[in-house]
Amino acid sequence: WFRQAPGKEREGVSCISRRGGGTDYADDVKGRFTISRDNAKNTLHL
């Protein structure tokens, strides 16, 4: 998941690895955002 605010560069927010390999978060969203995937529904959530 990435985001881009007006006048700013795109920045990474969170990611989830393939095959249960783990997640990562930008420092300013840690503890507030949670990434997850539902492979059965082919859907990701933030």
ModelCIF file with pLDDT and N, C-alpha, C, O atoms, coordinates in Angstrom:
data_MODEL
#
_entry.id   MODEL 
#
_entity.id                         1 
_entity.type                       polymer 
_entity.pdbx_number_of_molecules   1 
#
_entity_poly.entity_id                      1 
_entity_poly.type                           'polypeptide(L)' 
_entity_poly.nstd_linkage                   no 
_entity_poly.nstd_monomer                   no 
_entity_poly.pdbx_seq_one_letter_code       WFRQAPGKEREGVSCISRRGGGTDYADDVKGRFTISRDNAKNTLHL 
_entity_poly.pdbx_seq_one_letter_code_can   WFRQAPGKEREGVSCISRRGGGTDYADDVKGRFTISRDNAKNTLHL 
_entity_poly.pdbx_strand_id                 A 
#
loop_
_entity_poly_seq.entity_id 
_entity_poly_seq.num 
_entity_poly_seq.mon_id 
_entity_poly_seq.hetero 
1 1  TRP n 
1 2  PHE n 
1 3  ARG n 
1 4  GLN n 
1 5  ALA n 
1 6  PRO n 
1 7  GLY n 
1 8  LYS n 
1 9  GLU n 
1 10 ARG n 
1 11 GLU n 
1 12 GLY n 
1 13 VAL n 
1 14 SER n 
1 15 CYS n 
1 16 ILE n 
1 17 SER n 
1 18 ARG n 
1 19 ARG n 
1 20 GLY n 
1 21 GLY n 
1 22 GLY n 
1 23 THR n 
1 24 ASP n 
1 25 TYR n 
1 26 ALA n 
1 27 ASP n 
1 28 ASP n 
1 29 VAL n 
1 30 LYS n 
1 31 GLY n 
1 32 ARG n 
1 33 PHE n 
1 34 THR n 
1 35 ILE n 
1 36 SER n 
1 37 ARG n 
1 38 ASP n 
1 39 ASN n 
1 40 ALA n 
1 41 LYS n 
1 42 ASN n 
1 43 THR n 
1 44 LEU n 
1 45 HIS n 
1 46 LEU n 
#
_struct_asym.id          A 
_struct_asym.entity_id   1 
#
loop_
_ma_qa_metric.id 
_ma_qa_metric.mode 
_ma_qa_metric.name 
_ma_qa_metric.software_group_id 
_ma_qa_metric.type 
1 global pLDDT . pLDDT 
2 local  pLDDT . pLDDT 
#
_ma_qa_metric_global.metric_id      1 
_ma_qa_metric_global.metric_value   94.17 
_ma_qa_metric_global.model_id       1 
_ma_qa_metric_global.ordinal_id     1 
#
loop_
_ma_qa_metric_local.label_asym_id 
_ma_qa_metric_local.label_comp_id 
_ma_qa_metric_local.label_seq_id 
_ma_qa_metric_local.metric_id 
_ma_qa_metric_local.metric_value 
_ma_qa_metric_local.model_id 
_ma_qa_metric_local.ordinal_id 
A TRP 1  2 98.00 1 1  
A PHE 2  2 98.00 1 2  
A ARG 3  2 98.00 1 3  
A GLN 4  2 98.00 1 4  
A ALA 5  2 97.00 1 5  
A PRO 6  2 92.00 1 6  
A GLY 7  2 94.00 1 7  
A LYS 8  2 96.00 1 8  
A GLU 9  2 97.00 1 9  
A ARG 10 2 97.00 1 10 
A GLU 11 2 97.00 1 11 
A GLY 12 2 98.00 1 12 
A VAL 13 2 98.00 1 13 
A SER 14 2 98.00 1 14 
A CYS 15 2 97.00 1 15 
A ILE 16 2 95.00 1 16 
A SER 17 2 94.00 1 17 
A ARG 18 2 90.00 1 18 
A ARG 19 2 87.00 1 19 
A GLY 20 2 78.00 1 20 
A GLY 21 2 82.00 1 21 
A GLY 22 2 93.00 1 22 
A THR 23 2 96.00 1 23 
A ASP 24 2 97.00 1 24 
A TYR 25 2 98.00 1 25 
A ALA 26 2 98.00 1 26 
A ASP 27 2 97.00 1 27 
A ASP 28 2 96.00 1 28 
A VAL 29 2 98.00 1 29 
A LYS 30 2 97.00 1 30 
A GLY 31 2 97.00 1 31 
A ARG 32 2 98.00 1 32 
A PHE 33 2 98.00 1 33 
A THR 34 2 98.00 1 34 
A ILE 35 2 97.00 1 35 
A SER 36 2 94.00 1 36 
A ARG 37 2 90.00 1 37 
A ASP 38 2 89.00 1 38 
A ASN 39 2 82.00 1 39 
A ALA 40 2 84.00 1 40 
A LYS 41 2 88.00 1 41 
A ASN 42 2 89.00 1 42 
A THR 43 2 92.00 1 43 
A LEU 44 2 93.00 1 44 
A HIS 45 2 96.00 1 45 
A LEU 46 2 98.00 1 46 
#
loop_
_atom_site.group_PDB 
_atom_site.id 
_atom_site.type_symbol 
_atom_site.label_atom_id 
_atom_site.label_alt_id 
_atom_site.label_comp_id 
_atom_site.label_asym_id 
_atom_site.label_entity_id 
_atom_site.label_seq_id 
_atom_site.pdbx_PDB_ins_code 
_atom_site.Cartn_x 
_atom_site.Cartn_y 
_atom_site.Cartn_z 
_atom_site.occupancy 
_atom_site.B_iso_or_equiv 
_atom_site.pdbx_formal_charge 
_atom_site.auth_seq_id 
_atom_site.auth_comp_id 
_atom_site.auth_asym_id 
_atom_site.auth_atom_id 
_atom_site.pdbx_PDB_model_num 
ATOM 1   N N  . TRP A 1 1  ? 0.869   -1.185  0.000  1.00 98.00 ? 1  TRP A N  1 
ATOM 2   C CA . TRP A 1 1  ? 0.000   0.000   0.000  1.00 98.00 ? 1  TRP A CA 1 
ATOM 3   C C  . TRP A 1 1  ? 0.902   1.229   0.000  1.00 98.00 ? 1  TRP A C  1 
ATOM 4   O O  . TRP A 1 1  ? 1.843   1.326   0.788  1.00 98.00 ? 1  TRP A O  1 
ATOM 5   N N  . PHE A 1 2  ? 0.604   2.147   -0.880 1.00 98.00 ? 2  PHE A N  1 
ATOM 6   C CA . PHE A 1 2  ? 1.355   3.380   -1.009 1.00 98.00 ? 2  PHE A CA 1 
ATOM 7   C C  . PHE A 1 2  ? 0.372   4.548   -0.958 1.00 98.00 ? 2  PHE A C  1 
ATOM 8   O O  . PHE A 1 2  ? -0.830  4.365   -1.150 1.00 98.00 ? 2  PHE A O  1 
ATOM 9   N N  . ARG A 1 3  ? 0.884   5.735   -0.700 1.00 98.00 ? 3  ARG A N  1 
ATOM 10  C CA . ARG A 1 3  ? 0.014   6.907   -0.710 1.00 98.00 ? 3  ARG A CA 1 
ATOM 11  C C  . ARG A 1 3  ? 0.764   8.104   -1.273 1.00 98.00 ? 3  ARG A C  1 
ATOM 12  O O  . ARG A 1 3  ? 1.991   8.185   -1.225 1.00 98.00 ? 3  ARG A O  1 
ATOM 13  N N  . GLN A 1 4  ? -0.015  9.020   -1.803 1.00 98.00 ? 4  GLN A N  1 
ATOM 14  C CA . GLN A 1 4  ? 0.563   10.247  -2.332 1.00 98.00 ? 4  GLN A CA 1 
ATOM 15  C C  . GLN A 1 4  ? -0.352  11.407  -1.987 1.00 98.00 ? 4  GLN A C  1 
ATOM 16  O O  . GLN A 1 4  ? -1.511  11.454  -2.399 1.00 98.00 ? 4  GLN A O  1 
ATOM 17  N N  . ALA A 1 5  ? 0.192   12.339  -1.224 1.00 97.00 ? 5  ALA A N  1 
ATOM 18  C CA . ALA A 1 5  ? -0.541  13.550  -0.853 1.00 97.00 ? 5  ALA A CA 1 
ATOM 19  C C  . ALA A 1 5  ? -0.240  14.648  -1.876 1.00 97.00 ? 5  ALA A C  1 
ATOM 20  O O  . ALA A 1 5  ? 0.791   14.592  -2.546 1.00 97.00 ? 5  ALA A O  1 
ATOM 21  N N  . PRO A 1 6  ? -1.105  15.628  -2.005 1.00 92.00 ? 6  PRO A N  1 
ATOM 22  C CA . PRO A 1 6  ? -0.868  16.718  -2.962 1.00 92.00 ? 6  PRO A CA 1 
ATOM 23  C C  . PRO A 1 6  ? 0.475   17.393  -2.710 1.00 92.00 ? 6  PRO A C  1 
ATOM 24  O O  . PRO A 1 6  ? 0.788   17.772  -1.582 1.00 92.00 ? 6  PRO A O  1 
ATOM 25  N N  . GLY A 1 7  ? 1.260   17.537  -3.765 1.00 94.00 ? 7  GLY A N  1 
ATOM 26  C CA . GLY A 1 7  ? 2.542   18.209  -3.664 1.00 94.00 ? 7  GLY A CA 1 
ATOM 27  C C  . GLY A 1 7  ? 3.655   17.389  -3.038 1.00 94.00 ? 7  GLY A C  1 
ATOM 28  O O  . GLY A 1 7  ? 4.761   17.886  -2.829 1.00 94.00 ? 7  GLY A O  1 
ATOM 29  N N  . LYS A 1 8  ? 3.358   16.127  -2.739 1.00 96.00 ? 8  LYS A N  1 
ATOM 30  C CA . LYS A 1 8  ? 4.375   15.279  -2.114 1.00 96.00 ? 8  LYS A CA 1 
ATOM 31  C C  . LYS A 1 8  ? 4.654   14.060  -2.981 1.00 96.00 ? 8  LYS A C  1 
ATOM 32  O O  . LYS A 1 8  ? 3.862   13.698  -3.852 1.00 96.00 ? 8  LYS A O  1 
ATOM 33  N N  . GLU A 1 9  ? 5.780   13.445  -2.726 1.00 97.00 ? 9  GLU A N  1 
ATOM 34  C CA . GLU A 1 9  ? 6.124   12.234  -3.445 1.00 97.00 ? 9  GLU A CA 1 
ATOM 35  C C  . GLU A 1 9  ? 5.352   11.034  -2.871 1.00 97.00 ? 9  GLU A C  1 
ATOM 36  O O  . GLU A 1 9  ? 4.924   11.033  -1.717 1.00 97.00 ? 9  GLU A O  1 
ATOM 37  N N  . ARG A 1 10 ? 5.197   10.037  -3.711 1.00 97.00 ? 10 ARG A N  1 
ATOM 38  C CA . ARG A 1 10 ? 4.570   8.798   -3.253 1.00 97.00 ? 10 ARG A CA 1 
ATOM 39  C C  . ARG A 1 10 ? 5.435   8.153   -2.171 1.00 97.00 ? 10 ARG A C  1 
ATOM 40  O O  . ARG A 1 10 ? 6.663   8.164   -2.252 1.00 97.00 ? 10 ARG A O  1 
ATOM 41  N N  . GLU A 1 11 ? 4.782   7.598   -1.169 1.00 97.00 ? 11 GLU A N  1 
ATOM 42  C CA . GLU A 1 11 ? 5.513   6.942   -0.091 1.00 97.00 ? 11 GLU A CA 1 
ATOM 43  C C  . GLU A 1 11 ? 4.884   5.586   0.228  1.00 97.00 ? 11 GLU A C  1 
ATOM 44  O O  . GLU A 1 11 ? 3.678   5.389   0.079  1.00 97.00 ? 11 GLU A O  1 
ATOM 45  N N  . GLY A 1 12 ? 5.712   4.687   0.658  1.00 98.00 ? 12 GLY A N  1 
ATOM 46  C CA . GLY A 1 12 ? 5.225   3.367   1.061  1.00 98.00 ? 12 GLY A CA 1 
ATOM 47  C C  . GLY A 1 12 ? 4.587   3.429   2.436  1.00 98.00 ? 12 GLY A C  1 
ATOM 48  O O  . GLY A 1 12 ? 5.104   4.089   3.338  1.00 98.00 ? 12 GLY A O  1 
ATOM 49  N N  . VAL A 1 13 ? 3.483   2.753   2.592  1.00 98.00 ? 13 VAL A N  1 
ATOM 50  C CA . VAL A 1 13 ? 2.740   2.733   3.854  1.00 98.00 ? 13 VAL A CA 1 
ATOM 51  C C  . VAL A 1 13 ? 2.886   1.384   4.547  1.00 98.00 ? 13 VAL A C  1 
ATOM 52  O O  . VAL A 1 13 ? 3.237   1.310   5.725  1.00 98.00 ? 13 VAL A O  1 
ATOM 53  N N  . SER A 1 14 ? 2.614   0.331   3.804  1.00 98.00 ? 14 SER A N  1 
ATOM 54  C CA . SER A 1 14 ? 2.676   -1.010  4.379  1.00 98.00 ? 14 SER A CA 1 
ATOM 55  C C  . SER A 1 14 ? 2.808   -2.023  3.255  1.00 98.00 ? 14 SER A C  1 
ATOM 56  O O  . SER A 1 14 ? 2.447   -1.745  2.112  1.00 98.00 ? 14 SER A O  1 
ATOM 57  N N  . CYS A 1 15 ? 3.322   -3.190  3.582  1.00 97.00 ? 15 CYS A N  1 
ATOM 58  C CA . CYS A 1 15 ? 3.378   -4.257  2.590  1.00 97.00 ? 15 CYS A CA 1 
ATOM 59  C C  . CYS A 1 15 ? 3.270   -5.600  3.288  1.00 97.00 ? 15 CYS A C  1 
ATOM 60  O O  . CYS A 1 15 ? 3.533   -5.736  4.483  1.00 97.00 ? 15 CYS A O  1 
ATOM 61  N N  . ILE A 1 16 ? 2.868   -6.599  2.488  1.00 95.00 ? 16 ILE A N  1 
ATOM 62  C CA . ILE A 1 16 ? 2.757   -7.960  2.985  1.00 95.00 ? 16 ILE A CA 1 
ATOM 63  C C  . ILE A 1 16 ? 3.427   -8.875  1.983  1.00 95.00 ? 16 ILE A C  1 
ATOM 64  O O  . ILE A 1 16 ? 3.186   -8.785  0.779  1.00 95.00 ? 16 ILE A O  1 
ATOM 65  N N  . SER A 1 17 ? 4.260   -9.746  2.488  1.00 94.00 ? 17 SER A N  1 
ATOM 66  C CA . SER A 1 17 ? 5.069   -10.590 1.617  1.00 94.00 ? 17 SER A CA 1 
ATOM 67  C C  . SER A 1 17 ? 4.256   -11.734 1.044  1.00 94.00 ? 17 SER A C  1 
ATOM 68  O O  . SER A 1 17 ? 3.164   -12.038 1.525  1.00 94.00 ? 17 SER A O  1 
ATOM 69  N N  . ARG A 1 18 ? 4.792   -12.360 0.021  1.00 90.00 ? 18 ARG A N  1 
ATOM 70  C CA . ARG A 1 18 ? 4.136   -13.526 -0.555 1.00 90.00 ? 18 ARG A CA 1 
ATOM 71  C C  . ARG A 1 18 ? 4.264   -14.713 0.388  1.00 90.00 ? 18 ARG A C  1 
ATOM 72  O O  . ARG A 1 18 ? 5.244   -14.835 1.123  1.00 90.00 ? 18 ARG A O  1 
ATOM 73  N N  . ARG A 1 19 ? 3.264   -15.585 0.357  1.00 87.00 ? 19 ARG A N  1 
ATOM 74  C CA . ARG A 1 19 ? 3.306   -16.866 1.042  1.00 87.00 ? 19 ARG A CA 1 
ATOM 75  C C  . ARG A 1 19 ? 3.644   -16.744 2.523  1.00 87.00 ? 19 ARG A C  1 
ATOM 76  O O  . ARG A 1 19 ? 4.490   -17.480 3.031  1.00 87.00 ? 19 ARG A O  1 
ATOM 77  N N  . GLY A 1 20 ? 2.985   -15.817 3.217  1.00 78.00 ? 20 GLY A N  1 
ATOM 78  C CA . GLY A 1 20 ? 3.161   -15.708 4.657  1.00 78.00 ? 20 GLY A CA 1 
ATOM 79  C C  . GLY A 1 20 ? 4.520   -15.229 5.099  1.00 78.00 ? 20 GLY A C  1 
ATOM 80  O O  . GLY A 1 20 ? 4.963   -15.557 6.200  1.00 78.00 ? 20 GLY A O  1 
ATOM 81  N N  . GLY A 1 21 ? 5.193   -14.457 4.264  1.00 82.00 ? 21 GLY A N  1 
ATOM 82  C CA . GLY A 1 21 ? 6.559   -14.049 4.569  1.00 82.00 ? 21 GLY A CA 1 
ATOM 83  C C  . GLY A 1 21 ? 6.691   -12.848 5.473  1.00 82.00 ? 21 GLY A C  1 
ATOM 84  O O  . GLY A 1 21 ? 7.816   -12.423 5.735  1.00 82.00 ? 21 GLY A O  1 
ATOM 85  N N  . GLY A 1 22 ? 5.617   -12.278 5.962  1.00 93.00 ? 22 GLY A N  1 
ATOM 86  C CA . GLY A 1 22 ? 5.737   -11.172 6.899  1.00 93.00 ? 22 GLY A CA 1 
ATOM 87  C C  . GLY A 1 22 ? 5.230   -9.863  6.351  1.00 93.00 ? 22 GLY A C  1 
ATOM 88  O O  . GLY A 1 22 ? 4.854   -9.766  5.183  1.00 93.00 ? 22 GLY A O  1 
ATOM 89  N N  . THR A 1 23 ? 5.222   -8.855  7.205  1.00 96.00 ? 23 THR A N  1 
ATOM 90  C CA . THR A 1 23 ? 4.698   -7.536  6.855  1.00 96.00 ? 23 THR A CA 1 
ATOM 91  C C  . THR A 1 23 ? 5.702   -6.461  7.233  1.00 96.00 ? 23 THR A C  1 
ATOM 92  O O  . THR A 1 23 ? 6.652   -6.713  7.973  1.00 96.00 ? 23 THR A O  1 
ATOM 93  N N  . ASP A 1 24 ? 5.484   -5.282  6.725  1.00 97.00 ? 24 ASP A N  1 
ATOM 94  C CA . ASP A 1 24 ? 6.307   -4.133  7.093  1.00 97.00 ? 24 ASP A CA 1 
ATOM 95  C C  . ASP A 1 24 ? 5.426   -2.890  7.069  1.00 97.00 ? 24 ASP A C  1 
ATOM 96  O O  . ASP A 1 24 ? 4.429   -2.834  6.348  1.00 97.00 ? 24 ASP A O  1 
ATOM 97  N N  . TYR A 1 25 ? 5.806   -1.895  7.865  1.00 98.00 ? 25 TYR A N  1 
ATOM 98  C CA . TYR A 1 25 ? 5.037   -0.662  7.964  1.00 98.00 ? 25 TYR A CA 1 
ATOM 99  C C  . TYR A 1 25 ? 5.987   0.528   8.007  1.00 98.00 ? 25 TYR A C  1 
ATOM 100 O O  . TYR A 1 25 ? 7.097   0.441   8.531  1.00 98.00 ? 25 TYR A O  1 
ATOM 101 N N  . ALA A 1 26 ? 5.531   1.627   7.451  1.00 98.00 ? 26 ALA A N  1 
ATOM 102 C CA . ALA A 1 26 ? 6.250   2.878   7.619  1.00 98.00 ? 26 ALA A CA 1 
ATOM 103 C C  . ALA A 1 26 ? 6.186   3.291   9.085  1.00 98.00 ? 26 ALA A C  1 
ATOM 104 O O  . ALA A 1 26 ? 5.215   2.985   9.776  1.00 98.00 ? 26 ALA A O  1 
ATOM 105 N N  . ASP A 1 27 ? 7.206   3.976   9.555  1.00 97.00 ? 27 ASP A N  1 
ATOM 106 C CA . ASP A 1 27 ? 7.279   4.330   10.969 1.00 97.00 ? 27 ASP A CA 1 
ATOM 107 C C  . ASP A 1 27 ? 6.073   5.126   11.441 1.00 97.00 ? 27 ASP A C  1 
ATOM 108 O O  . ASP A 1 27 ? 5.604   4.930   12.562 1.00 97.00 ? 27 ASP A O  1 
ATOM 109 N N  . ASP A 1 28 ? 5.568   6.014   10.605 1.00 96.00 ? 28 ASP A N  1 
ATOM 110 C CA . ASP A 1 28 ? 4.487   6.889   11.074 1.00 96.00 ? 28 ASP A CA 1 
ATOM 111 C C  . ASP A 1 28 ? 3.111   6.233   11.065 1.00 96.00 ? 28 ASP A C  1 
ATOM 112 O O  . ASP A 1 28 ? 2.129   6.870   11.446 1.00 96.00 ? 28 ASP A O  1 
ATOM 113 N N  . VAL A 1 29 ? 3.017   4.966   10.635 1.00 98.00 ? 29 VAL A N  1 
ATOM 114 C CA . VAL A 1 29 ? 1.731   4.279   10.700 1.00 98.00 ? 29 VAL A CA 1 
ATOM 115 C C  . VAL A 1 29 ? 1.790   3.048   11.588 1.00 98.00 ? 29 VAL A C  1 
ATOM 116 O O  . VAL A 1 29 ? 0.765   2.409   11.826 1.00 98.00 ? 29 VAL A O  1 
ATOM 117 N N  . LYS A 1 30 ? 2.961   2.710   12.076 1.00 97.00 ? 30 LYS A N  1 
ATOM 118 C CA . LYS A 1 30 ? 3.085   1.533   12.947 1.00 97.00 ? 30 LYS A CA 1 
ATOM 119 C C  . LYS A 1 30 ? 2.199   1.690   14.180 1.00 97.00 ? 30 LYS A C  1 
ATOM 120 O O  . LYS A 1 30 ? 2.172   2.742   14.818 1.00 97.00 ? 30 LYS A O  1 
ATOM 121 N N  . GLY A 1 31 ? 1.489   0.636   14.491 1.00 97.00 ? 31 GLY A N  1 
ATOM 122 C CA . GLY A 1 31 ? 0.587   0.660   15.629 1.00 97.00 ? 31 GLY A CA 1 
ATOM 123 C C  . GLY A 1 31 ? -0.783  1.228   15.314 1.00 97.00 ? 31 GLY A C  1 
ATOM 124 O O  . GLY A 1 31 ? -1.703  1.119   16.125 1.00 97.00 ? 31 GLY A O  1 
ATOM 125 N N  . ARG A 1 32 ? -0.930  1.842   14.129 1.00 98.00 ? 32 ARG A N  1 
ATOM 126 C CA . ARG A 1 32 ? -2.223  2.409   13.739 1.00 98.00 ? 32 ARG A CA 1 
ATOM 127 C C  . ARG A 1 32 ? -2.831  1.687   12.534 1.00 98.00 ? 32 ARG A C  1 
ATOM 128 O O  . ARG A 1 32 ? -4.053  1.584   12.424 1.00 98.00 ? 32 ARG A O  1 
ATOM 129 N N  . PHE A 1 33 ? -1.990  1.191   11.639 1.00 98.00 ? 33 PHE A N  1 
ATOM 130 C CA . PHE A 1 33 ? -2.466  0.532   10.416 1.00 98.00 ? 33 PHE A CA 1 
ATOM 131 C C  . PHE A 1 33 ? -2.143  -0.951  10.502 1.00 98.00 ? 33 PHE A C  1 
ATOM 132 O O  . PHE A 1 33 ? -1.140  -1.345  11.098 1.00 98.00 ? 33 PHE A O  1 
ATOM 133 N N  . THR A 1 34 ? -2.999  -1.771  9.905  1.00 98.00 ? 34 THR A N  1 
ATOM 134 C CA . THR A 1 34 ? -2.782  -3.202  9.838  1.00 98.00 ? 34 THR A CA 1 
ATOM 135 C C  . THR A 1 34 ? -3.105  -3.695  8.434  1.00 98.00 ? 34 THR A C  1 
ATOM 136 O O  . THR A 1 34 ? -4.191  -3.446  7.911  1.00 98.00 ? 34 THR A O  1 
ATOM 137 N N  . ILE A 1 35 ? -2.156  -4.394  7.833  1.00 97.00 ? 35 ILE A N  1 
ATOM 138 C CA . ILE A 1 35 ? -2.366  -4.955  6.498  1.00 97.00 ? 35 ILE A CA 1 
ATOM 139 C C  . ILE A 1 35 ? -2.704  -6.433  6.638  1.00 97.00 ? 35 ILE A C  1 
ATOM 140 O O  . ILE A 1 35 ? -2.174  -7.128  7.505  1.00 97.00 ? 35 ILE A O  1 
ATOM 141 N N  . SER A 1 36 ? -3.593  -6.899  5.771  1.00 94.00 ? 36 SER A N  1 
ATOM 142 C CA . SER A 1 36 ? -3.954  -8.311  5.802  1.00 94.00 ? 36 SER A CA 1 
ATOM 143 C C  . SER A 1 36 ? -4.372  -8.731  4.399  1.00 94.00 ? 36 SER A C  1 
ATOM 144 O O  . SER A 1 36 ? -4.690  -7.897  3.551  1.00 94.00 ? 36 SER A O  1 
ATOM 145 N N  . ARG A 1 37 ? -4.364  -10.039 4.176  1.00 90.00 ? 37 ARG A N  1 
ATOM 146 C CA . ARG A 1 37 ? -4.804  -10.538 2.889  1.00 90.00 ? 37 ARG A CA 1 
ATOM 147 C C  . ARG A 1 37 ? -5.805  -11.661 3.100  1.00 90.00 ? 37 ARG A C  1 
ATOM 148 O O  . ARG A 1 37 ? -5.702  -12.427 4.057  1.00 90.00 ? 37 ARG A O  1 
ATOM 149 N N  . ASP A 1 38 ? -6.756  -11.749 2.214  1.00 89.00 ? 38 ASP A N  1 
ATOM 150 C CA . ASP A 1 38 ? -7.730  -12.839 2.191  1.00 89.00 ? 38 ASP A CA 1 
ATOM 151 C C  . ASP A 1 38 ? -7.560  -13.524 0.841  1.00 89.00 ? 38 ASP A C  1 
ATOM 152 O O  . ASP A 1 38 ? -8.183  -13.136 -0.147 1.00 89.00 ? 38 ASP A O  1 
ATOM 153 N N  . ASN A 1 39 ? -6.712  -14.545 0.809  1.00 82.00 ? 39 ASN A N  1 
ATOM 154 C CA . ASN A 1 39 ? -6.396  -15.187 -0.466 1.00 82.00 ? 39 ASN A CA 1 
ATOM 155 C C  . ASN A 1 39 ? -7.616  -15.869 -1.088 1.00 82.00 ? 39 ASN A C  1 
ATOM 156 O O  . ASN A 1 39 ? -7.733  -15.942 -2.312 1.00 82.00 ? 39 ASN A O  1 
ATOM 157 N N  . ALA A 1 40 ? -8.518  -16.365 -0.252 1.00 84.00 ? 40 ALA A N  1 
ATOM 158 C CA . ALA A 1 40 ? -9.704  -17.039 -0.777 1.00 84.00 ? 40 ALA A CA 1 
ATOM 159 C C  . ALA A 1 40 ? -10.576 -16.069 -1.572 1.00 84.00 ? 40 ALA A C  1 
ATOM 160 O O  . ALA A 1 40 ? -11.251 -16.469 -2.520 1.00 84.00 ? 40 ALA A O  1 
ATOM 161 N N  . LYS A 1 41 ? -10.560 -14.789 -1.180 1.00 88.00 ? 41 LYS A N  1 
ATOM 162 C CA . LYS A 1 41 ? -11.355 -13.770 -1.861 1.00 88.00 ? 41 LYS A CA 1 
ATOM 163 C C  . LYS A 1 41 ? -10.505 -12.885 -2.766 1.00 88.00 ? 41 LYS A C  1 
ATOM 164 O O  . LYS A 1 41 ? -11.006 -11.919 -3.341 1.00 88.00 ? 41 LYS A O  1 
ATOM 165 N N  . ASN A 1 42 ? -9.233  -13.209 -2.891 1.00 89.00 ? 42 ASN A N  1 
ATOM 166 C CA . ASN A 1 42 ? -8.316  -12.415 -3.722 1.00 89.00 ? 42 ASN A CA 1 
ATOM 167 C C  . ASN A 1 42 ? -8.376  -10.934 -3.369 1.00 89.00 ? 42 ASN A C  1 
ATOM 168 O O  . ASN A 1 42 ? -8.451  -10.073 -4.245 1.00 89.00 ? 42 ASN A O  1 
ATOM 169 N N  . THR A 1 43 ? -8.341  -10.661 -2.086 1.00 92.00 ? 43 THR A N  1 
ATOM 170 C CA . THR A 1 43 ? -8.508  -9.288  -1.602 1.00 92.00 ? 43 THR A CA 1 
ATOM 171 C C  . THR A 1 43 ? -7.485  -8.970  -0.528 1.00 92.00 ? 43 THR A C  1 
ATOM 172 O O  . THR A 1 43 ? -7.150  -9.810  0.307  1.00 92.00 ? 43 THR A O  1 
ATOM 173 N N  . LEU A 1 44 ? -7.000  -7.744  -0.567 1.00 93.00 ? 44 LEU A N  1 
ATOM 174 C CA . LEU A 1 44 ? -6.120  -7.222  0.465  1.00 93.00 ? 44 LEU A CA 1 
ATOM 175 C C  . LEU A 1 44 ? -6.861  -6.138  1.237  1.00 93.00 ? 44 LEU A C  1 
ATOM 176 O O  . LEU A 1 44 ? -7.752  -5.482  0.697  1.00 93.00 ? 44 LEU A O  1 
ATOM 177 N N  . HIS A 1 45 ? -6.492  -5.951  2.497  1.00 96.00 ? 45 HIS A N  1 
ATOM 178 C CA . HIS A 1 45 ? -7.110  -4.909  3.301  1.00 96.00 ? 45 HIS A CA 1 
ATOM 179 C C  . HIS A 1 45 ? -6.040  -4.086  4.000  1.00 96.00 ? 45 HIS A C  1 
ATOM 180 O O  . HIS A 1 45 ? -4.955  -4.576  4.316  1.00 96.00 ? 45 HIS A O  1 
ATOM 181 N N  . LEU A 1 46 ? -6.371  -2.833  4.230  1.00 98.00 ? 46 LEU A N  1 
ATOM 182 C CA . LEU A 1 46 ? -5.545  -1.975  5.076  1.00 98.00 ? 46 LEU A CA 1 
ATOM 183 C C  . LEU A 1 46 ? -6.481  -1.334  6.098  1.00 98.00 ? 46 LEU A C  1 
ATOM 184 O O  . LEU A 1 46 ? -6.035  -0.556  6.942  1.00 98.00 ? 46 LEU A O  1 
#
